[in-house]
Amino acid sequence: MKTALLLAISVASAGVAIPVAANDYVKGSYIHQALVQVCSKTADDDRLGLHSTLKAYRISKQAAVEKVVCNGQHLTDFARANQAVKVTAMLQPYEDRIKGRVTIQDVAAAAAN
């Protein structure tokens, strides 16, 4: 009987506490700030600013290319849509890794020249 009462009280209190915590989390969270800065640096075509922002938040370029979404687009697509040429050039090798592109170079022919 006591466990049922404690369970009912904990469920009722959790229902009240969770929406407040979730609302505070969305407004000023660390992750939200990081994403806003990454997306704004990308839209501004600020290659060095993006590099320092990723470094400050300890986000690898590979992880940014794979997981960051700005306005519903992946980071490289967002950069292309905003005509951020410098940022696109910086992130292109990391996007190529995802696609599985392989370049084959003839070592013997390069050595003969």
PDB file of N, CA and C in Angstrom:
ATOM      1  N   MET A   1       0.817  -1.186   0.000  1.00  0.00           N
ATOM      2  CA  MET A   1       0.000   0.000   0.000  1.00  0.00           C
ATOM      3  C   MET A   1       0.867   1.258   0.000  1.00  0.00           C
ATOM      4  N   LYS A   2       1.927   1.234   0.828  1.00  0.00           N
ATOM      5  CA  LYS A   2       2.802   2.397   0.878  1.00  0.00           C
ATOM      6  C   LYS A   2       3.538   2.596  -0.441  1.00  0.00           C
ATOM      7  N   THR A   3       3.949   1.513  -1.084  1.00  0.00           N
ATOM      8  CA  THR A   3       4.667   1.651  -2.349  1.00  0.00           C
ATOM      9  C   THR A   3       3.770   2.207  -3.440  1.00  0.00           C
ATOM     10  N   ALA A   4       2.497   1.807  -3.424  1.00  0.00           N
ATOM     11  CA  ALA A   4       1.561   2.333  -4.414  1.00  0.00           C
ATOM     12  C   ALA A   4       1.343   3.821  -4.197  1.00  0.00           C
ATOM     13  N   LEU A   5       1.253   4.247  -2.947  1.00  0.00           N
ATOM     14  CA  LEU A   5       1.059   5.650  -2.637  1.00  0.00           C
ATOM     15  C   LEU A   5       2.292   6.464  -3.031  1.00  0.00           C
ATOM     16  N   LEU A   6       3.489   5.942  -2.725  1.00  0.00           N
ATOM     17  CA  LEU A   6       4.721   6.633  -3.106  1.00  0.00           C
ATOM     18  C   LEU A   6       4.870   6.718  -4.619  1.00  0.00           C
ATOM     19  N   LEU A   7       4.483   5.655  -5.316  1.00  0.00           N
ATOM     20  CA  LEU A   7       4.546   5.660  -6.769  1.00  0.00           C
ATOM     21  C   LEU A   7       3.612   6.709  -7.362  1.00  0.00           C
ATOM     22  N   ALA A   8       2.394   6.809  -6.799  1.00  0.00           N
ATOM     23  CA  ALA A   8       1.419   7.783  -7.287  1.00  0.00           C
ATOM     24  C   ALA A   8       1.916   9.209  -7.045  1.00  0.00           C
ATOM     25  N   ILE A   9       2.523   9.447  -5.900  1.00  0.00           N
ATOM     26  CA  ILE A   9       3.028  10.780  -5.590  1.00  0.00           C
ATOM     27  C   ILE A   9       4.209  11.136  -6.495  1.00  0.00           C
ATOM     28  N   SER A  10       5.100  10.185  -6.707  1.00  0.00           N
ATOM     29  CA  SER A  10       6.260  10.466  -7.554  1.00  0.00           C
ATOM     30  C   SER A  10       5.861  10.702  -9.002  1.00  0.00           C
ATOM     31  N   VAL A  11       4.884   9.962  -9.505  1.00  0.00           N
ATOM     32  CA  VAL A  11       4.411  10.168 -10.878  1.00  0.00           C
ATOM     33  C   VAL A  11       3.744  11.528 -11.007  1.00  0.00           C
ATOM     34  N   ALA A  12       2.951  11.916 -10.017  1.00  0.00           N
ATOM     35  CA  ALA A  12       2.272  13.216 -10.061  1.00  0.00           C
ATOM     36  C   ALA A  12       3.277  14.356  -9.993  1.00  0.00           C
ATOM     37  N   SER A  13       4.287  14.232  -9.152  1.00  0.00           N
ATOM     38  CA  SER A  13       5.284  15.302  -9.040  1.00  0.00           C
ATOM     39  C   SER A  13       6.167  15.369 -10.281  1.00  0.00           C
ATOM     40  N   ALA A  14       6.467  14.230 -10.874  1.00  0.00           N
ATOM     41  CA  ALA A  14       7.272  14.219 -12.095  1.00  0.00           C
ATOM     42  C   ALA A  14       6.529  14.879 -13.244  1.00  0.00           C
ATOM     43  N   GLY A  15       5.228  14.711 -13.304  1.00  0.00           N
ATOM     44  CA  GLY A  15       4.423  15.333 -14.360  1.00  0.00           C
ATOM     45  C   GLY A  15       4.436  16.841 -14.275  1.00  0.00           C
ATOM     46  N   VAL A  16       4.600  17.390 -13.085  1.00  0.00           N
ATOM     47  CA  VAL A  16       4.656  18.828 -12.901  1.00  0.00           C
ATOM     48  C   VAL A  16       6.068  19.356 -13.161  1.00  0.00           C
ATOM     49  N   ALA A  17       7.087  18.607 -12.774  1.00  0.00           N
ATOM     50  CA  ALA A  17       8.462  19.093 -12.852  1.00  0.00           C
ATOM     51  C   ALA A  17       9.051  19.001 -14.257  1.00  0.00           C
ATOM     52  N   ILE A  18       8.677  18.042 -15.025  1.00  0.00           N
ATOM     53  CA  ILE A  18       9.300  17.822 -16.331  1.00  0.00           C
ATOM     54  C   ILE A  18       9.013  18.944 -17.333  1.00  0.00           C
ATOM     55  N   PRO A  19       7.774  19.437 -17.491  1.00  0.00           N
ATOM     56  CA  PRO A  19       7.576  20.495 -18.472  1.00  0.00           C
ATOM     57  C   PRO A  19       8.383  21.765 -18.184  1.00  0.00           C
ATOM     58  N   VAL A  20       8.540  22.114 -16.930  1.00  0.00           N
ATOM     59  CA  VAL A  20       9.311  23.302 -16.595  1.00  0.00           C
ATOM     60  C   VAL A  20      10.770  23.093 -16.966  1.00  0.00           C
ATOM     61  N   ALA A  21      11.312  21.935 -16.637  1.00  0.00           N
ATOM     62  CA  ALA A  21      12.707  21.649 -16.955  1.00  0.00           C
ATOM     63  C   ALA A  21      12.925  21.600 -18.458  1.00  0.00           C
ATOM     64  N   ALA A  22      12.007  21.017 -19.197  1.00  0.00           N
ATOM     65  CA  ALA A  22      12.146  20.926 -20.649  1.00  0.00           C
ATOM     66  C   ALA A  22      12.079  22.311 -21.281  1.00  0.00           C
ATOM     67  N   ASN A  23      11.223  23.173 -20.778  1.00  0.00           N
ATOM     68  CA  ASN A  23      11.091  24.515 -21.325  1.00  0.00           C
ATOM     69  C   ASN A  23      12.363  25.325 -21.077  1.00  0.00           C
ATOM     70  N   ASP A  24      12.949  25.231 -19.890  1.00  0.00           N
ATOM     71  CA  ASP A  24      14.190  25.929 -19.597  1.00  0.00           C
ATOM     72  C   ASP A  24      15.329  25.390 -20.450  1.00  0.00           C
ATOM     73  N   TYR A  25      15.319  24.111 -20.699  1.00  0.00           N
ATOM     74  CA  TYR A  25      16.385  23.471 -21.473  1.00  0.00           C
ATOM     75  C   TYR A  25      16.405  23.992 -22.903  1.00  0.00           C
ATOM     76  N   VAL A  26      15.240  24.176 -23.493  1.00  0.00           N
ATOM     77  CA  VAL A  26      15.169  24.599 -24.888  1.00  0.00           C
ATOM     78  C   VAL A  26      15.617  26.050 -25.043  1.00  0.00           C
ATOM     79  N   LYS A  27      15.287  26.902 -24.093  1.00  0.00           N
ATOM     80  CA  LYS A  27      15.571  28.321 -24.234  1.00  0.00           C
ATOM     81  C   LYS A  27      17.053  28.656 -24.219  1.00  0.00           C
ATOM     82  N   GLY A  28      17.816  28.116 -23.273  1.00  0.00           N
ATOM     83  CA  GLY A  28      19.185  28.567 -23.158  1.00  0.00           C
ATOM     84  C   GLY A  28      20.179  27.451 -22.947  1.00  0.00           C
ATOM     85  N   SER A  29      19.945  26.339 -23.549  1.00  0.00           N
ATOM     86  CA  SER A  29      20.825  25.210 -23.309  1.00  0.00           C
ATOM     87  C   SER A  29      22.163  25.392 -24.008  1.00  0.00           C
ATOM     88  N   TYR A  30      23.125  24.696 -23.498  1.00  0.00           N
ATOM     89  CA  TYR A  30      24.481  24.703 -24.041  1.00  0.00           C
ATOM     90  C   TYR A  30      24.476  24.200 -25.483  1.00  0.00           C
ATOM     91  N   ILE A  31      23.742  23.128 -25.724  1.00  0.00           N
ATOM     92  CA  ILE A  31      23.675  22.545 -27.071  1.00  0.00           C
ATOM     93  C   ILE A  31      22.999  23.506 -28.038  1.00  0.00           C
ATOM     94  N   HIS A  32      21.942  24.143 -27.583  1.00  0.00           N
ATOM     95  CA  HIS A  32      21.225  25.093 -28.436  1.00  0.00           C
ATOM     96  C   HIS A  32      22.133  26.257 -28.825  1.00  0.00           C
ATOM     97  N   GLN A  33      22.888  26.778 -27.859  1.00  0.00           N
ATOM     98  CA  GLN A  33      23.811  27.875 -28.146  1.00  0.00           C
ATOM     99  C   GLN A  33      24.890  27.445 -29.137  1.00  0.00           C
ATOM    100  N   ALA A  34      25.393  26.239 -28.962  1.00  0.00           N
ATOM    101  CA  ALA A  34      26.419  25.729 -29.877  1.00  0.00           C
ATOM    102  C   ALA A  34      25.871  25.633 -31.294  1.00  0.00           C
ATOM    103  N   LEU A  35      24.671  25.085 -31.436  1.00  0.00           N
ATOM    104  CA  LEU A  35      24.094  24.933 -32.770  1.00  0.00           C
ATOM    105  C   LEU A  35      23.806  26.277 -33.422  1.00  0.00           C
ATOM    106  N   VAL A  36      23.324  27.229 -32.648  1.00  0.00           N
ATOM    107  CA  VAL A  36      23.050  28.559 -33.199  1.00  0.00           C
ATOM    108  C   VAL A  36      24.341  29.197 -33.697  1.00  0.00           C
ATOM    109  N   GLN A  37      25.406  29.076 -32.920  1.00  0.00           N
ATOM    110  CA  GLN A  37      26.678  29.664 -33.347  1.00  0.00           C
ATOM    111  C   GLN A  37      27.244  28.965 -34.580  1.00  0.00           C
ATOM    112  N   VAL A  38      27.149  27.643 -34.615  1.00  0.00           N
ATOM    113  CA  VAL A  38      27.657  26.901 -35.771  1.00  0.00           C
ATOM    114  C   VAL A  38      26.865  27.288 -37.021  1.00  0.00           C
ATOM    115  N   CYS A  39      25.566  27.354 -36.917  1.00  0.00           N
ATOM    116  CA  CYS A  39      24.744  27.700 -38.083  1.00  0.00           C
ATOM    117  C   CYS A  39      24.965  29.140 -38.520  1.00  0.00           C
ATOM    118  N   SER A  40      25.115  30.060 -37.572  1.00  0.00           N
ATOM    119  CA  SER A  40      25.321  31.456 -37.959  1.00  0.00           C
ATOM    120  C   SER A  40      26.701  31.666 -38.588  1.00  0.00           C
ATOM    121  N   LYS A  41      27.718  30.996 -38.079  1.00  0.00           N
ATOM    122  CA  LYS A  41      29.049  31.106 -38.689  1.00  0.00           C
ATOM    123  C   LYS A  41      29.048  30.498 -40.092  1.00  0.00           C
ATOM    124  N   THR A  42      28.284  29.440 -40.270  1.00  0.00           N
ATOM    125  CA  THR A  42      28.182  28.814 -41.588  1.00  0.00           C
ATOM    126  C   THR A  42      27.469  29.738 -42.561  1.00  0.00           C
ATOM    127  N   ALA A  43      26.372  30.331 -42.129  1.00  0.00           N
ATOM    128  CA  ALA A  43      25.616  31.227 -43.005  1.00  0.00           C
ATOM    129  C   ALA A  43      26.419  32.473 -43.371  1.00  0.00           C
ATOM    130  N   ASP A  44      27.293  32.915 -42.462  1.00  0.00           N
ATOM    131  CA  ASP A  44      28.125  34.094 -42.728  1.00  0.00           C
ATOM    132  C   ASP A  44      29.353  33.777 -43.573  1.00  0.00           C
ATOM    133  N   ASP A  45      29.563  32.514 -43.890  1.00  0.00           N
ATOM    134  CA  ASP A  45      30.731  32.047 -44.643  1.00  0.00           C
ATOM    135  C   ASP A  45      32.023  32.415 -43.915  1.00  0.00           C
ATOM    136  N   ASP A  46      31.986  32.268 -42.587  1.00  0.00           N
ATOM    137  CA  ASP A  46      33.130  32.566 -41.731  1.00  0.00           C
ATOM    138  C   ASP A  46      33.840  31.255 -41.399  1.00  0.00           C
ATOM    139  N   ARG A  47      34.768  30.877 -42.253  1.00  0.00           N
ATOM    140  CA  ARG A  47      35.466  29.595 -42.101  1.00  0.00           C
ATOM    141  C   ARG A  47      36.256  29.532 -40.801  1.00  0.00           C
ATOM    142  N   LEU A  48      37.008  30.566 -40.504  1.00  0.00           N
ATOM    143  CA  LEU A  48      37.809  30.585 -39.278  1.00  0.00           C
ATOM    144  C   LEU A  48      36.930  30.656 -38.031  1.00  0.00           C
ATOM    145  N   GLY A  49      35.847  31.418 -38.113  1.00  0.00           N
ATOM    146  CA  GLY A  49      34.911  31.494 -36.993  1.00  0.00           C
ATOM    147  C   GLY A  49      34.234  30.163 -36.737  1.00  0.00           C
ATOM    148  N   LEU A  50      33.882  29.465 -37.799  1.00  0.00           N
ATOM    149  CA  LEU A  50      33.278  28.138 -37.652  1.00  0.00           C
ATOM    150  C   LEU A  50      34.270  27.165 -37.047  1.00  0.00           C
ATOM    151  N   HIS A  51      35.509  27.225 -37.515  1.00  0.00           N
ATOM    152  CA  HIS A  51      36.545  26.336 -36.976  1.00  0.00           C
ATOM    153  C   HIS A  51      36.735  26.580 -35.473  1.00  0.00           C
ATOM    154  N   SER A  52      36.811  27.840 -35.063  1.00  0.00           N
ATOM    155  CA  SER A  52      37.014  28.139 -33.643  1.00  0.00           C
ATOM    156  C   SER A  52      35.777  27.791 -32.811  1.00  0.00           C
ATOM    157  N   THR A  53      34.595  27.958 -33.376  1.00  0.00           N
ATOM    158  CA  THR A  53      33.374  27.586 -32.659  1.00  0.00           C
ATOM    159  C   THR A  53      33.301  26.078 -32.459  1.00  0.00           C
ATOM    160  N   LEU A  54      33.602  25.327 -33.504  1.00  0.00           N
ATOM    161  CA  LEU A  54      33.609  23.868 -33.368  1.00  0.00           C
ATOM    162  C   LEU A  54      34.646  23.430 -32.341  1.00  0.00           C
ATOM    163  N   LYS A  55      35.794  24.072 -32.359  1.00  0.00           N
ATOM    164  CA  LYS A  55      36.846  23.731 -31.412  1.00  0.00           C
ATOM    165  C   LYS A  55      36.425  24.093 -29.988  1.00  0.00           C
ATOM    166  N   ALA A  56      35.793  25.245 -29.812  1.00  0.00           N
ATOM    167  CA  ALA A  56      35.364  25.690 -28.479  1.00  0.00           C
ATOM    168  C   ALA A  56      34.332  24.750 -27.869  1.00  0.00           C
ATOM    169  N   TYR A  57      33.437  24.238 -28.705  1.00  0.00           N
ATOM    170  CA  TYR A  57      32.396  23.331 -28.221  1.00  0.00           C
ATOM    171  C   TYR A  57      32.807  21.861 -28.337  1.00  0.00           C
ATOM    172  N   ARG A  58      34.045  21.629 -28.758  1.00  0.00           N
ATOM    173  CA  ARG A  58      34.599  20.278 -28.888  1.00  0.00           C
ATOM    174  C   ARG A  58      33.754  19.395 -29.805  1.00  0.00           C
ATOM    175  N   ILE A  59      33.434  19.958 -30.957  1.00  0.00           N
ATOM    176  CA  ILE A  59      32.700  19.231 -31.983  1.00  0.00           C
ATOM    177  C   ILE A  59      33.662  19.006 -33.145  1.00  0.00           C
ATOM    178  N   SER A  60      33.849  17.772 -33.532  1.00  0.00           N
ATOM    179  CA  SER A  60      34.731  17.512 -34.673  1.00  0.00           C
ATOM    180  C   SER A  60      34.016  17.920 -35.962  1.00  0.00           C
ATOM    181  N   LYS A  61      34.798  18.209 -36.964  1.00  0.00           N
ATOM    182  CA  LYS A  61      34.207  18.590 -38.250  1.00  0.00           C
ATOM    183  C   LYS A  61      33.407  17.432 -38.837  1.00  0.00           C
ATOM    184  N   GLN A  62      33.899  16.220 -38.644  1.00  0.00           N
ATOM    185  CA  GLN A  62      33.178  15.046 -39.138  1.00  0.00           C
ATOM    186  C   GLN A  62      31.823  14.925 -38.454  1.00  0.00           C
ATOM    187  N   ALA A  63      31.786  15.110 -37.134  1.00  0.00           N
ATOM    188  CA  ALA A  63      30.520  15.038 -36.400  1.00  0.00           C
ATOM    189  C   ALA A  63      29.583  16.167 -36.802  1.00  0.00           C
ATOM    190  N   ALA A  64      30.142  17.343 -37.056  1.00  0.00           N
ATOM    191  CA  ALA A  64      29.313  18.469 -37.486  1.00  0.00           C
ATOM    192  C   ALA A  64      28.667  18.183 -38.833  1.00  0.00           C
ATOM    193  N   VAL A  65      29.448  17.648 -39.759  1.00  0.00           N
ATOM    194  CA  VAL A  65      28.917  17.340 -41.087  1.00  0.00           C
ATOM    195  C   VAL A  65      27.851  16.246 -41.007  1.00  0.00           C
ATOM    196  N   GLU A  66      28.081  15.263 -40.152  1.00  0.00           N
ATOM    197  CA  GLU A  66      27.149  14.144 -40.063  1.00  0.00           C
ATOM    198  C   GLU A  66      25.878  14.476 -39.284  1.00  0.00           C
ATOM    199  N   LYS A  67      25.980  15.308 -38.241  1.00  0.00           N
ATOM    200  CA  LYS A  67      24.877  15.413 -37.287  1.00  0.00           C
ATOM    201  C   LYS A  67      24.246  16.786 -37.136  1.00  0.00           C
ATOM    202  N   VAL A  68      24.915  17.857 -37.504  1.00  0.00           N
ATOM    203  CA  VAL A  68      24.350  19.195 -37.308  1.00  0.00           C
ATOM    204  C   VAL A  68      23.357  19.492 -38.423  1.00  0.00           C
ATOM    205  N   VAL A  69      22.192  19.990 -38.009  1.00  0.00           N
ATOM    206  CA  VAL A  69      21.130  20.339 -38.951  1.00  0.00           C
ATOM    207  C   VAL A  69      20.758  21.793 -38.714  1.00  0.00           C
ATOM    208  N   CYS A  70      20.792  22.596 -39.764  1.00  0.00           N
ATOM    209  CA  CYS A  70      20.420  24.007 -39.701  1.00  0.00           C
ATOM    210  C   CYS A  70      19.236  24.238 -40.636  1.00  0.00           C
ATOM    211  N   ASN A  71      18.159  24.744 -40.101  1.00  0.00           N
ATOM    212  CA  ASN A  71      16.937  24.999 -40.886  1.00  0.00           C
ATOM    213  C   ASN A  71      16.490  23.766 -41.667  1.00  0.00           C
ATOM    214  N   GLY A  72      16.623  22.603 -41.071  1.00  0.00           N
ATOM    215  CA  GLY A  72      16.169  21.371 -41.691  1.00  0.00           C
ATOM    216  C   GLY A  72      17.113  20.790 -42.722  1.00  0.00           C
ATOM    217  N   GLN A  73      18.302  21.379 -42.866  1.00  0.00           N
ATOM    218  CA  GLN A  73      19.281  20.899 -43.845  1.00  0.00           C
ATOM    219  C   GLN A  73      20.550  20.489 -43.119  1.00  0.00           C
ATOM    220  N   HIS A  74      21.235  19.487 -43.662  1.00  0.00           N
ATOM    221  CA  HIS A  74      22.530  19.129 -43.114  1.00  0.00           C
ATOM    222  C   HIS A  74      23.474  20.312 -43.300  1.00  0.00           C
ATOM    223  N   LEU A  75      24.521  20.353 -42.510  1.00  0.00           N
ATOM    224  CA  LEU A  75      25.397  21.528 -42.459  1.00  0.00           C
ATOM    225  C   LEU A  75      25.977  21.886 -43.827  1.00  0.00           C
ATOM    226  N   THR A  76      26.445  20.913 -44.584  1.00  0.00           N
ATOM    227  CA  THR A  76      27.027  21.222 -45.896  1.00  0.00           C
ATOM    228  C   THR A  76      25.962  21.704 -46.884  1.00  0.00           C
ATOM    229  N   ASP A  77      24.779  21.120 -46.826  1.00  0.00           N
ATOM    230  CA  ASP A  77      23.688  21.581 -47.685  1.00  0.00           C
ATOM    231  C   ASP A  77      23.266  22.999 -47.305  1.00  0.00           C
ATOM    232  N   PHE A  78      23.261  23.279 -46.007  1.00  0.00           N
ATOM    233  CA  PHE A  78      22.939  24.623 -45.519  1.00  0.00           C
ATOM    234  C   PHE A  78      23.977  25.631 -46.007  1.00  0.00           C
ATOM    235  N   ALA A  79      25.248  25.239 -45.982  1.00  0.00           N
ATOM    236  CA  ALA A  79      26.319  26.120 -46.462  1.00  0.00           C
ATOM    237  C   ALA A  79      26.158  26.400 -47.954  1.00  0.00           C
ATOM    238  N   ARG A  80      25.831  25.368 -48.723  1.00  0.00           N
ATOM    239  CA  ARG A  80      25.629  25.568 -50.164  1.00  0.00           C
ATOM    240  C   ARG A  80      24.428  26.460 -50.436  1.00  0.00           C
ATOM    241  N   ALA A  81      23.355  26.270 -49.671  1.00  0.00           N
ATOM    242  CA  ALA A  81      22.146  27.079 -49.865  1.00  0.00           C
ATOM    243  C   ALA A  81      22.405  28.550 -49.545  1.00  0.00           C
ATOM    244  N   ASN A  82      23.311  28.821 -48.620  1.00  0.00           N
ATOM    245  CA  ASN A  82      23.652  30.197 -48.262  1.00  0.00           C
ATOM    246  C   ASN A  82      24.867  30.711 -49.027  1.00  0.00           C
ATOM    247  N   GLN A  83      25.297  29.959 -50.014  1.00  0.00           N
ATOM    248  CA  GLN A  83      26.421  30.309 -50.875  1.00  0.00           C
ATOM    249  C   GLN A  83      27.678  30.619 -50.065  1.00  0.00           C
ATOM    250  N   ALA A  84      27.908  29.786 -49.050  1.00  0.00           N
ATOM    251  CA  ALA A  84      29.097  29.904 -48.210  1.00  0.00           C
ATOM    252  C   ALA A  84      30.204  29.062 -48.838  1.00  0.00           C
ATOM    253  N   VAL A  85      30.921  29.636 -49.764  1.00  0.00           N
ATOM    254  CA  VAL A  85      31.905  28.921 -50.562  1.00  0.00           C
ATOM    255  C   VAL A  85      33.077  28.433 -49.714  1.00  0.00           C
ATOM    256  N   LYS A  86      33.579  29.286 -48.835  1.00  0.00           N
ATOM    257  CA  LYS A  86      34.737  28.923 -48.015  1.00  0.00           C
ATOM    258  C   LYS A  86      34.394  27.784 -47.049  1.00  0.00           C
ATOM    259  N   VAL A  87      33.235  27.880 -46.422  1.00  0.00           N
ATOM    260  CA  VAL A  87      32.819  26.840 -45.471  1.00  0.00           C
ATOM    261  C   VAL A  87      32.551  25.532 -46.206  1.00  0.00           C
ATOM    262  N   THR A  88      31.934  25.611 -47.374  1.00  0.00           N
ATOM    263  CA  THR A  88      31.667  24.406 -48.161  1.00  0.00           C
ATOM    264  C   THR A  88      32.973  23.718 -48.545  1.00  0.00           C
ATOM    265  N   ALA A  89      33.962  24.497 -48.948  1.00  0.00           N
ATOM    266  CA  ALA A  89      35.260  23.918 -49.311  1.00  0.00           C
ATOM    267  C   ALA A  89      35.934  23.276 -48.106  1.00  0.00           C
ATOM    268  N   MET A  90      35.756  23.862 -46.924  1.00  0.00           N
ATOM    269  CA  MET A  90      36.363  23.305 -45.719  1.00  0.00           C
ATOM    270  C   MET A  90      35.691  21.988 -45.306  1.00  0.00           C
ATOM    271  N   LEU A  91      34.376  21.911 -45.477  1.00  0.00           N
ATOM    272  CA  LEU A  91      33.627  20.736 -45.028  1.00  0.00           C
ATOM    273  C   LEU A  91      33.513  19.639 -46.081  1.00  0.00           C
ATOM    274  N   GLN A  92      33.847  19.936 -47.325  1.00  0.00           N
ATOM    275  CA  GLN A  92      33.701  18.975 -48.419  1.00  0.00           C
ATOM    276  C   GLN A  92      34.439  17.660 -48.186  1.00  0.00           C
ATOM    277  N   PRO A  93      35.687  17.654 -47.722  1.00  0.00           N
ATOM    278  CA  PRO A  93      36.368  16.358 -47.496  1.00  0.00           C
ATOM    279  C   PRO A  93      35.660  15.477 -46.473  1.00  0.00           C
ATOM    280  N   TYR A  94      35.030  16.102 -45.484  1.00  0.00           N
ATOM    281  CA  TYR A  94      34.329  15.339 -44.455  1.00  0.00           C
ATOM    282  C   TYR A  94      33.013  14.777 -44.993  1.00  0.00           C
ATOM    283  N   GLU A  95      32.398  15.513 -45.907  1.00  0.00           N
ATOM    284  CA  GLU A  95      31.189  15.003 -46.551  1.00  0.00           C
ATOM    285  C   GLU A  95      31.525  13.857 -47.498  1.00  0.00           C
ATOM    286  N   ASP A  96      32.681  13.956 -48.158  1.00  0.00           N
ATOM    287  CA  ASP A  96      33.105  12.896 -49.076  1.00  0.00           C
ATOM    288  C   ASP A  96      33.335  11.581 -48.338  1.00  0.00           C
ATOM    289  N   ARG A  97      33.806  11.659 -47.107  1.00  0.00           N
ATOM    290  CA  ARG A  97      33.997  10.438 -46.312  1.00  0.00           C
ATOM    291  C   ARG A  97      32.681   9.721 -46.068  1.00  0.00           C
ATOM    292  N   ILE A  98      31.631  10.488 -45.875  1.00  0.00           N
ATOM    293  CA  ILE A  98      30.313   9.894 -45.641  1.00  0.00           C
ATOM    294  C   ILE A  98      29.825   9.186 -46.894  1.00  0.00           C
ATOM    295  N   LYS A  99      30.009   9.816 -48.026  1.00  0.00           N
ATOM    296  CA  LYS A  99      29.521   9.267 -49.288  1.00  0.00           C
ATOM    297  C   LYS A  99      30.301   8.043 -49.720  1.00  0.00           C
ATOM    298  N   GLY A 100      31.485   7.874 -49.162  1.00  0.00           N
ATOM    299  CA  GLY A 100      32.289   6.720 -49.520  1.00  0.00           C
ATOM    300  C   GLY A 100      33.027   6.892 -50.826  1.00  0.00           C
ATOM    301  N   ARG A 101      33.322   8.118 -51.189  1.00  0.00           N
ATOM    302  CA  ARG A 101      34.082   8.357 -52.411  1.00  0.00           C
ATOM    303  C   ARG A 101      35.499   7.853 -52.244  1.00  0.00           C
ATOM    304  N   VAL A 102      35.978   7.258 -53.275  1.00  0.00           N
ATOM    305  CA  VAL A 102      37.345   6.765 -53.269  1.00  0.00           C
ATOM    306  C   VAL A 102      38.031   7.317 -54.509  1.00  0.00           C
ATOM    307  N   THR A 103      39.204   7.884 -54.305  1.00  0.00           N
ATOM    308  CA  THR A 103      39.990   8.338 -55.455  1.00  0.00           C
ATOM    309  C   THR A 103      41.161   7.392 -55.615  1.00  0.00           C
ATOM    310  N   ILE A 104      41.385   6.992 -56.835  1.00  0.00           N
ATOM    311  CA  ILE A 104      42.461   6.063 -57.139  1.00  0.00           C
ATOM    312  C   ILE A 104      43.538   6.820 -57.888  1.00  0.00           C
ATOM    313  N   GLN A 105      44.739   6.744 -57.368  1.00  0.00           N
ATOM    314  CA  GLN A 105      45.862   7.422 -57.982  1.00  0.00           C
ATOM    315  C   GLN A 105      46.895   6.394 -58.403  1.00  0.00           C
ATOM    316  N   ASP A 106      47.344   6.523 -59.619  1.00  0.00           N
ATOM    317  CA  ASP A 106      48.358   5.607 -60.131  1.00  0.00           C
ATOM    318  C   ASP A 106      49.715   6.062 -59.611  1.00  0.00           C
ATOM    319  N   VAL A 107      50.229   5.314 -58.637  1.00  0.00           N
ATOM    320  CA  VAL A 107      51.488   5.681 -58.009  1.00  0.00           C
ATOM    321  C   VAL A 107      52.653   5.500 -58.961  1.00  0.00           C
ATOM    322  N   ALA A 108      52.607   4.465 -59.768  1.00  0.00           N
ATOM    323  CA  ALA A 108      53.711   4.196 -60.705  1.00  0.00           C
ATOM    324  C   ALA A 108      53.811   5.291 -61.751  1.00  0.00           C
ATOM    325  N   ALA A 109      52.687   5.773 -62.243  1.00  0.00           N
ATOM    326  CA  ALA A 109      52.699   6.815 -63.259  1.00  0.00           C
ATOM    327  C   ALA A 109      53.161   8.142 -62.648  1.00  0.00           C
ATOM    328  N   ALA A 110      52.803   8.406 -61.407  1.00  0.00           N
ATOM    329  CA  ALA A 110      53.221   9.634 -60.755  1.00  0.00           C
ATOM    330  C   ALA A 110      54.726   9.603 -60.469  1.00  0.00           C
ATOM    331  N   ALA A 111      55.255   8.447 -60.148  1.00  0.00           N
ATOM    332  CA  ALA A 111      56.683   8.322 -59.870  1.00  0.00           C
ATOM    333  C   ALA A 111      57.510   8.428 -61.153  1.00  0.00           C
ATOM    334  N   ALA A 112      56.964   8.001 -62.298  1.00  0.00           N
ATOM    335  CA  ALA A 112      57.702   8.036 -63.554  1.00  0.00           C
ATOM    336  C   ALA A 112      57.859   9.467 -64.079  1.00  0.00           C
ATOM    337  N   ASN A 113      56.958  10.339 -63.728  1.00  0.00           N
ATOM    338  CA  ASN A 113      57.026  11.735 -64.215  1.00  0.00           C
ATOM    339  C   ASN A 113      58.026  12.451 -63.441  1.00  0.00           C
TER     340      ASN A 113
END
